[in-house]
Amino acid sequence: MKARVLPLVALALLPAVASAQRGGGGRDRGTKADFDGMISSSPVGLRLSNGDVEDMNPVKLLADKRKDLKLTDDQLKQIRAMNDALKESNKPQFKVLDSLRTAMRPRAGADEDVERVRTQLARQDVVDVVKAIRDGYDAKLKEAVALLDDTQKAKADELVARQARDSEEMLAKALGGGRGGMGGGRRGRPPAA
């Protein structure tokens, strides 16, 4: 049985290995993170927690900075409702992230080549999941900003831009890459729809 499974796994993973050797193929979306460094420097495989990703949520930031933004009770209520909706909609992605964190742990005694391919696939999946979560954050941020007046929008732009810079730095450290480790970093509030 084992003799049949290994060749099948190798055949299934061959396109991913070939793609990685060519430079990533179509799945590389500007990611410049040094995943090998990330894995080798951490006994758990991935140094990015769900809390780290949740801290990138600009809608939560707006609710947290209600005094700085001088939000009305109605604005705060609506922004908190948006944040709650984001939390609920992101639950499946965070479960996937948990599974990927487990999948990226080094396995003692496993074949090096199989482990390398397995972790490469999991690495790209981590990037994809985090990008999907951040895209959801950006979409909901547009809705939240629409509730603000011009003075509040200016202050929100500052806060969100600072959060975006901090998030990019944190991702670069957690994923082992340089600035913009996830690619497509936000630069303040998304453009009005």
Foldseek 3Di string as FASTA:
>chain_A
DVVVVVVVLCVVLVVVVVCVVVPNPPLDPPAFFPQVCLQVVDQLQFQAAPVLLLLLQLLVVCLVCCVVLVDDPVLNVVSVVLVVVLVVVLVVLNVLLVVLSNQRRDDPPDDPVSNVSSNVVSLSVNLVSSVVSVVSSLVSLLVSLVPGDPSSQVVSQVSSQVSLQVSQVVCCVRRHHDRCNSPPTDRGRDDHD
